[in-house]
Amino acid sequence: MIVAHTNESEYRAFISNRKNEALQSRMIVMPVPYNLRVDDEVKIYEKLIKQSDLKDVHISPHALKTAAIFSVLTRLKQPKKQGVDLLKKLYLYNGQSVEGLKDTDVKELRHEYPDEGMSGLDPRYVINRISTALIRRDTTCINALDVLRAMKDGLDQHAAISKEDKERLLNLVAVARKEYDEMAKTEVQKAFVYSYEESAKTLLENYLDNVEAYCSWQKLKDPLTGEEIDPDEKLMRSIEEQIGISENAKKTFREEILIRISTYARRGKKFDYHSHERLREAIERKLFADLKDVVKITTSSKTPDAMQLKKINEVTARLIDEHGYCPVCANELLRYIGSLLNR
C-alpha cells in the first residue's frame, strides 16, 4: 500500500493522463478540505509560528483571529439559504450562536456544498504574509492591520489568483477589517470601563428587570421613592437599538430573552451577561456608546491635558496587564480607535 498526498490541481492533471488509467481503478481518493473553523485556524497559525522564526515576535491580540476570519471566508461558498451571509455562516461553523438560526441550519449549510473547503487561501500563505509584515515594519510587534495589509498586498504576487478572484478577496479583506474594528472597539471599551464586568452586569440586571415587568404587564418600584413606575422604555430601547432591534420587533426580542432565562432556570444554570450573544453585544455597544465621547476626546487629543494623559496611561496599563498587549501595540490601538471615532 502506498499513501500519498497532493493538491487538487496536480491530482486532476494525473487522472487526466491516459497513461495512468491502470492506477486509477486501484486508488482510493480522500478529499481533505481546508479547515473551516476560525478558532481552529488560529491554533494552526500558533503552531506554525512556534516552528518558525516568528516565535519571538509579539503578535497583538486579535491579529491572528482577524487573519483567520479572512482566510476562512476565502474558503466558504456563498450560502443559498435565505437570511444567511458568509459572515453568519462563518460564525455558525465556528460553533457560535447566530440569532434566528439553529444547529439544523448548520447541517443544511454543510450539505449545500460537499466540496466546500477544497479551495481558498492556505495557512502557509498567512504565515508568509505575517513574516513579510514583520520584515517591512522592522519591529518586534505586529497587529491585525499589519497582517491584513500584508495579505492584501500579497494578492498581487499570488500567481494562482485571477482578476475576478482578486476583487472577491479584496472585499473579504474589507469584511475582516470591519470585524476587527468591532473587536478593537470592544477591547478599548473594556479597558476604559473600570470594573467592566460589573458595569455590564448592572446594566444587564436593570434591563432584565424592566423586560420582565414589560412582558408581564407589571410596574416597578422606584429604588429611591418606593413609588410604582412603568418599565423604563427609554432604557430598554437604548440597548436594543444598538443591535438594530426595530420598534415592531422589540416585543418578540424581549419575550425571547425571558424564554432563554426560563430554559436556563429549568436546567439549573444561571443566566448571565454571556448567556445570549446578541444581548451581550447590545450591552457592550451601549456601554461603549455612553463612553464614546470620553474615549474620543482621550484617544484623539494631540496635546492631552494632565487628566487625559492620566486616563491614557491607565488604559494603556490595563491593555498591557489584562489584555495581552505590549506598549507598542497598546498605543497603536488607542490611536486607531481615536481615528475611527473621528470619522
Protein backbone atom coordinates (compact mmCIF):
# COMPACT_ATOMS: atom_id res chain seq x y z
CA MET A 1 0.00 0.00 0.00
CA ILE A 2 1.27 3.49 -0.89
CA VAL A 3 -0.08 6.53 0.97
CA ALA A 4 0.47 9.83 -0.81
CA HIS A 5 -0.92 13.34 -0.81
CA THR A 6 -1.09 16.13 -3.36
CA ASN A 7 -3.10 19.23 -4.16
CA GLU A 8 -6.26 19.03 -6.23
CA SER A 9 -4.87 20.56 -9.44
CA GLU A 10 -1.99 18.06 -9.55
CA TYR A 11 -4.43 15.21 -8.91
CA ARG A 12 -6.68 16.37 -11.75
CA ALA A 13 -3.67 16.51 -14.07
CA PHE A 14 -2.65 12.98 -13.00
CA ILE A 15 -6.02 11.34 -13.67
CA SER A 16 -6.44 13.19 -16.99
CA ASN A 17 -3.30 11.44 -18.29
CA ARG A 18 -4.48 8.26 -20.02
CA LYS A 19 -1.19 6.55 -19.23
CA ASN A 20 -2.29 6.43 -15.58
CA GLU A 21 -5.62 4.65 -16.23
CA ALA A 22 -4.37 1.38 -14.72
CA LEU A 23 -3.67 3.15 -11.42
CA GLN A 24 -7.00 4.95 -11.19
CA SER A 25 -9.04 1.81 -10.50
CA ARG A 26 -6.63 0.91 -7.70
CA MET A 27 -6.77 4.28 -5.96
CA ILE A 28 -8.92 5.32 -3.04
CA VAL A 29 -9.21 9.11 -3.12
CA MET A 30 -9.89 11.00 0.10
CA PRO A 31 -10.52 14.76 -0.33
CA VAL A 32 -9.12 16.71 2.65
CA PRO A 33 -10.58 20.25 2.75
CA TYR A 34 -9.03 23.25 4.45
CA ASN A 35 -10.18 23.98 7.98
CA LEU A 36 -13.44 25.97 8.20
CA ARG A 37 -13.43 26.90 11.91
CA VAL A 38 -11.89 30.24 12.88
CA ASP A 39 -10.80 29.07 16.35
CA ASP A 40 -9.03 26.04 14.89
CA GLU A 41 -7.43 28.18 12.21
CA VAL A 42 -5.89 30.37 14.93
CA LYS A 43 -4.43 27.21 16.53
CA ILE A 44 -2.86 26.27 13.20
CA TYR A 45 -1.19 29.69 12.97
CA GLU A 46 0.04 29.46 16.55
CA LYS A 47 1.57 26.05 15.82
CA LEU A 48 3.27 27.25 12.63
CA ILE A 49 4.57 30.38 14.34
CA LYS A 50 6.15 28.33 17.14
CA GLN A 51 8.00 26.33 14.49
CA SER A 52 9.22 29.45 12.66
CA ASP A 53 11.48 32.45 13.21
CA LEU A 54 8.39 34.40 14.32
CA LYS A 55 8.23 32.67 17.69
CA ASP A 56 9.95 35.59 19.47
CA VAL A 57 7.76 38.26 17.86
CA HIS A 58 4.90 39.81 19.80
CA ILE A 59 1.67 39.44 17.87
CA SER A 60 -1.05 41.81 19.01
CA PRO A 61 -4.33 40.34 20.35
CA HIS A 62 -6.90 39.67 17.61
CA ALA A 63 -4.26 39.77 14.85
CA LEU A 64 -4.36 36.01 14.27
CA LYS A 65 -8.14 35.86 14.68
CA THR A 66 -8.58 38.62 12.11
CA ALA A 67 -6.29 36.73 9.73
CA ALA A 68 -8.28 33.54 10.41
CA ILE A 69 -11.58 35.29 9.67
CA PHE A 70 -10.23 36.43 6.31
CA SER A 71 -8.68 33.10 5.30
CA VAL A 72 -11.73 31.03 6.33
CA LEU A 73 -14.01 33.43 4.43
CA THR A 74 -11.96 32.73 1.27
CA ARG A 75 -12.78 29.02 1.65
CA LEU A 76 -16.51 29.39 2.18
CA LYS A 77 -19.06 29.34 -0.61
CA GLN A 78 -21.95 31.78 -0.77
CA PRO A 79 -24.88 30.22 1.13
CA LYS A 80 -28.13 29.60 -0.72
CA LYS A 81 -30.21 29.76 2.46
CA GLN A 82 -32.20 32.99 2.78
CA GLY A 83 -31.08 35.32 5.55
CA VAL A 84 -27.60 33.80 5.82
CA ASP A 85 -24.50 35.61 4.54
CA LEU A 86 -20.87 34.48 4.54
CA LEU A 87 -20.14 36.07 7.92
CA LYS A 88 -23.10 34.39 9.63
CA LYS A 89 -22.05 31.12 8.04
CA LEU A 90 -18.51 31.59 9.35
CA TYR A 91 -19.73 32.13 12.91
CA LEU A 92 -22.13 29.17 12.71
CA TYR A 93 -19.30 26.90 11.54
CA ASN A 94 -17.22 28.20 14.45
CA GLY A 95 -19.84 26.97 16.92
CA GLN A 96 -21.12 30.44 17.79
CA SER A 97 -24.80 31.23 18.14
CA VAL A 98 -26.38 33.38 15.43
CA GLU A 99 -29.78 34.85 16.12
CA GLY A 100 -32.61 33.13 14.25
CA LEU A 101 -30.51 30.12 13.23
CA LYS A 102 -30.27 26.64 14.76
CA ASP A 103 -27.96 23.62 14.73
CA THR A 104 -30.08 22.09 11.97
CA ASP A 105 -29.27 25.11 9.80
CA VAL A 106 -25.56 24.32 10.15
CA LYS A 107 -26.15 20.79 8.81
CA GLU A 108 -28.21 22.21 5.96
CA LEU A 109 -25.45 24.68 5.07
CA ARG A 110 -22.80 21.94 5.10
CA HIS A 111 -24.88 19.81 2.73
CA GLU A 112 -25.20 22.66 0.21
CA TYR A 113 -21.59 22.30 -0.95
CA PRO A 114 -19.99 18.88 -0.27
CA ASP A 115 -16.67 20.16 -1.67
CA GLU A 116 -16.57 23.31 0.48
CA GLY A 117 -13.08 24.00 1.79
CA MET A 118 -11.31 22.49 -1.22
CA SER A 119 -10.36 25.97 -2.41
CA GLY A 120 -9.29 29.25 -0.84
CA LEU A 121 -6.11 30.57 0.79
CA ASP A 122 -4.00 28.16 2.83
CA PRO A 123 -2.42 28.75 6.29
CA ARG A 124 1.10 28.93 4.81
CA TYR A 125 0.08 32.00 2.81
CA VAL A 126 -0.99 33.75 6.02
CA ILE A 127 2.23 32.86 7.86
CA ASN A 128 4.33 34.01 4.90
CA ARG A 129 2.47 37.32 4.81
CA ILE A 130 2.94 37.78 8.57
CA SER A 131 6.67 37.28 8.00
CA THR A 132 6.59 39.88 5.24
CA ALA A 133 4.76 42.34 7.51
CA LEU A 134 7.39 41.88 10.19
CA ILE A 135 10.29 42.49 7.83
CA ARG A 136 8.62 45.51 6.27
CA ARG A 137 7.92 47.21 9.59
CA ASP A 138 11.26 46.37 11.16
CA THR A 139 9.62 45.98 14.58
CA THR A 140 9.18 43.34 17.26
CA CYS A 141 5.37 43.64 17.24
CA ILE A 142 2.72 43.39 14.54
CA ASN A 143 -1.03 43.98 14.79
CA ALA A 144 -4.15 42.94 12.88
CA LEU A 145 -3.95 45.86 10.46
CA ASP A 146 -0.35 44.97 9.58
CA VAL A 147 -1.42 41.40 8.84
CA LEU A 148 -4.44 42.40 6.73
CA ARG A 149 -2.36 44.93 4.81
CA ALA A 150 0.31 42.32 4.11
CA MET A 151 -2.26 39.77 2.92
CA LYS A 152 -3.90 42.36 0.70
CA ASP A 153 -0.56 43.33 -0.86
CA GLY A 154 0.31 39.66 -1.33
CA LEU A 155 -2.68 39.08 -3.62
CA ASP A 156 -0.82 40.86 -6.45
CA GLN A 157 2.05 38.39 -6.09
CA HIS A 158 -0.12 35.25 -5.94
CA ALA A 159 0.22 33.56 -9.32
CA ALA A 160 -2.94 31.47 -8.99
CA ILE A 161 -5.31 34.38 -8.31
CA SER A 162 -7.28 35.74 -11.27
CA LYS A 163 -8.54 39.30 -11.60
CA GLU A 164 -12.07 38.21 -10.62
CA ASP A 165 -10.81 36.25 -7.62
CA LYS A 166 -8.72 39.21 -6.51
CA GLU A 167 -11.75 41.50 -6.43
CA ARG A 168 -13.66 38.97 -4.32
CA LEU A 169 -10.71 38.55 -1.94
CA LEU A 170 -10.31 42.33 -1.54
CA ASN A 171 -13.96 42.51 -0.50
CA LEU A 172 -13.29 39.80 2.09
CA VAL A 173 -10.32 41.79 3.43
CA ALA A 174 -12.77 44.67 4.00
CA VAL A 175 -15.16 42.32 5.83
CA ALA A 176 -12.36 41.06 8.09
CA ARG A 177 -11.25 44.66 8.71
CA LYS A 178 -14.77 45.59 9.80
CA GLU A 179 -14.87 42.64 12.20
CA TYR A 180 -11.53 43.70 13.65
CA ASP A 181 -12.82 47.26 14.14
CA GLU A 182 -15.62 45.89 16.30
CA MET A 183 -13.21 43.72 18.32
CA ALA A 184 -10.84 46.66 18.79
CA LYS A 185 -13.63 48.98 19.94
CA THR A 186 -14.79 46.40 22.47
CA GLU A 187 -11.23 45.93 23.72
CA VAL A 188 -10.76 49.66 24.31
CA GLN A 189 -14.21 49.89 25.84
CA LYS A 190 -13.31 47.19 28.35
CA ALA A 191 -10.08 48.99 29.19
CA PHE A 192 -11.85 52.33 29.67
CA VAL A 193 -14.66 50.98 31.81
CA TYR A 194 -13.28 50.29 35.26
CA SER A 195 -14.67 47.01 36.53
CA TYR A 196 -16.18 46.32 33.10
CA GLU A 197 -17.88 43.07 34.03
CA GLU A 198 -19.59 44.73 36.98
CA SER A 199 -20.82 47.59 34.78
CA ALA A 200 -22.14 45.11 32.22
CA LYS A 201 -23.79 43.01 34.93
CA THR A 202 -25.51 46.04 36.46
CA LEU A 203 -26.81 47.23 33.10
CA LEU A 204 -28.00 43.71 32.23
CA GLU A 205 -29.89 43.27 35.51
CA ASN A 206 -31.52 46.67 35.08
CA TYR A 207 -32.57 45.74 31.55
CA LEU A 208 -33.93 42.33 32.60
CA ASP A 209 -35.94 43.85 35.46
CA ASN A 210 -37.62 46.20 33.01
CA VAL A 211 -38.15 43.49 30.36
CA GLU A 212 -39.81 41.19 32.91
CA ALA A 213 -42.13 43.98 34.06
CA TYR A 214 -42.93 44.91 30.45
CA CYS A 215 -43.77 41.34 29.37
CA SER A 216 -45.90 40.63 32.46
CA TRP A 217 -47.72 43.98 32.37
CA GLN A 218 -46.41 44.92 35.80
CA LYS A 219 -44.86 48.02 37.32
CA LEU A 220 -41.50 48.51 39.01
CA LYS A 221 -40.68 50.17 42.32
CA ASP A 222 -38.53 53.27 42.27
CA PRO A 223 -35.46 52.39 44.41
CA LEU A 224 -35.41 55.90 45.93
CA THR A 225 -39.05 56.86 46.42
CA GLY A 226 -40.64 53.41 46.56
CA GLU A 227 -43.44 54.52 44.23
CA GLU A 228 -44.64 52.28 41.40
CA ILE A 229 -43.37 53.27 37.97
CA ASP A 230 -43.77 51.99 34.41
CA PRO A 231 -40.96 49.93 32.84
CA ASP A 232 -38.21 52.19 31.52
CA GLU A 233 -38.89 52.06 27.79
CA LYS A 234 -36.13 54.56 27.06
CA LEU A 235 -33.52 52.35 28.76
CA MET A 236 -34.69 49.17 27.00
CA ARG A 237 -34.74 50.81 23.58
CA SER A 238 -31.33 52.43 24.11
CA ILE A 239 -29.90 48.91 24.50
CA GLU A 240 -31.96 47.15 21.81
CA GLU A 241 -31.25 49.81 19.18
CA GLN A 242 -27.54 49.02 19.49
CA ILE A 243 -28.15 45.77 17.57
CA GLY A 244 -30.86 47.03 15.23
CA ILE A 245 -33.97 45.72 17.04
CA SER A 246 -36.84 47.68 15.49
CA GLU A 247 -39.86 49.05 17.34
CA ASN A 248 -42.02 46.30 15.82
CA ALA A 249 -39.55 43.56 16.80
CA LYS A 250 -38.89 44.67 20.39
CA LYS A 251 -41.70 42.60 21.96
CA THR A 252 -40.53 39.40 20.24
CA PHE A 253 -36.92 40.03 21.28
CA ARG A 254 -37.87 40.67 24.92
CA GLU A 255 -40.04 37.54 25.05
CA GLU A 256 -37.17 35.55 23.56
CA ILE A 257 -34.89 36.76 26.37
CA LEU A 258 -37.40 35.63 29.02
CA ILE A 259 -37.74 32.22 27.33
CA ARG A 260 -33.94 31.85 27.39
CA ILE A 261 -33.88 32.75 31.10
CA SER A 262 -36.63 30.19 31.79
CA THR A 263 -34.74 27.50 29.85
CA TYR A 264 -31.58 28.19 31.86
CA ALA A 265 -33.53 28.06 35.13
CA ARG A 266 -35.04 24.65 34.26
CA ARG A 267 -31.56 23.31 33.58
CA GLY A 268 -30.23 24.71 36.83
CA LYS A 269 -27.99 27.18 35.01
CA LYS A 270 -27.60 30.86 35.78
CA PHE A 271 -28.41 33.36 33.04
CA ASP A 272 -25.64 35.94 32.89
CA TYR A 273 -24.02 38.53 30.65
CA HIS A 274 -22.61 35.86 28.30
CA SER A 275 -25.77 33.73 28.00
CA HIS A 276 -27.27 35.49 24.97
CA GLU A 277 -24.91 36.53 22.18
CA ARG A 278 -26.96 39.41 20.76
CA LEU A 279 -27.88 40.79 24.18
CA ARG A 280 -24.22 40.65 25.19
CA GLU A 281 -23.33 42.59 22.05
CA ALA A 282 -26.06 45.15 22.78
CA ILE A 283 -24.83 45.66 26.36
CA GLU A 284 -21.24 46.14 25.17
CA ARG A 285 -22.26 48.61 22.49
CA LYS A 286 -24.43 50.55 24.92
CA LEU A 287 -21.56 50.85 27.40
CA PHE A 288 -19.26 51.95 24.60
CA ALA A 289 -21.82 54.46 23.29
CA ASP A 290 -22.08 56.00 26.76
CA LEU A 291 -18.29 56.25 26.89
CA LYS A 292 -17.80 57.29 23.28
CA ASP A 293 -17.23 60.99 23.91
CA VAL A 294 -14.76 60.28 26.72
CA VAL A 295 -12.87 57.76 24.60
CA LYS A 296 -12.92 60.07 21.58
CA ILE A 297 -11.53 63.05 23.47
CA THR A 298 -8.95 60.98 25.32
CA THR A 299 -7.61 58.98 22.37
CA SER A 300 -7.63 61.66 19.68
CA SER A 301 -6.23 64.63 21.58
CA LYS A 302 -2.86 65.68 20.13
CA THR A 303 -1.98 67.61 23.28
CA PRO A 304 -3.78 65.81 26.14
CA ASP A 305 -4.09 67.64 29.42
CA ALA A 306 -2.99 66.13 32.74
CA MET A 307 -6.31 64.32 33.33
CA GLN A 308 -6.46 62.94 29.79
CA LEU A 309 -2.84 61.82 29.99
CA LYS A 310 -3.53 60.06 33.27
CA LYS A 311 -6.51 58.27 31.72
CA ILE A 312 -4.48 57.23 28.66
CA ASN A 313 -1.75 55.82 30.91
CA GLU A 314 -4.32 53.91 32.99
CA VAL A 315 -5.97 52.44 29.89
CA THR A 316 -2.59 51.54 28.34
CA ALA A 317 -1.55 49.79 31.55
CA ARG A 318 -4.82 47.85 31.61
CA LEU A 319 -4.40 46.78 27.97
CA ILE A 320 -0.91 45.52 28.77
CA ASP A 321 -1.66 43.87 32.13
CA GLU A 322 -5.08 42.37 31.39
CA HIS A 323 -5.46 42.01 27.62
CA GLY A 324 -2.08 40.83 26.33
CA TYR A 325 -0.86 43.97 24.58
CA CYS A 326 2.67 45.33 24.60
CA PRO A 327 3.42 49.07 24.92
CA VAL A 328 3.79 49.37 21.12
CA CYS A 329 0.52 47.76 20.05
CA ALA A 330 -1.42 49.25 23.00
CA ASN A 331 -0.55 52.79 21.87
CA GLU A 332 -1.25 51.91 18.24
CA LEU A 333 -4.66 50.54 19.23
CA LEU A 334 -5.63 53.73 21.06
CA ARG A 335 -4.54 55.91 18.13
CA TYR A 336 -6.50 53.71 15.74
CA ILE A 337 -9.67 53.85 17.83
CA GLY A 338 -9.28 57.62 18.06
CA SER A 339 -9.18 57.82 14.25
CA LEU A 340 -12.25 55.56 13.94
CA LEU A 341 -14.29 57.70 16.31
CA ASN A 342 -13.36 60.87 14.43
CA ARG A 343 -14.65 59.59 11.10
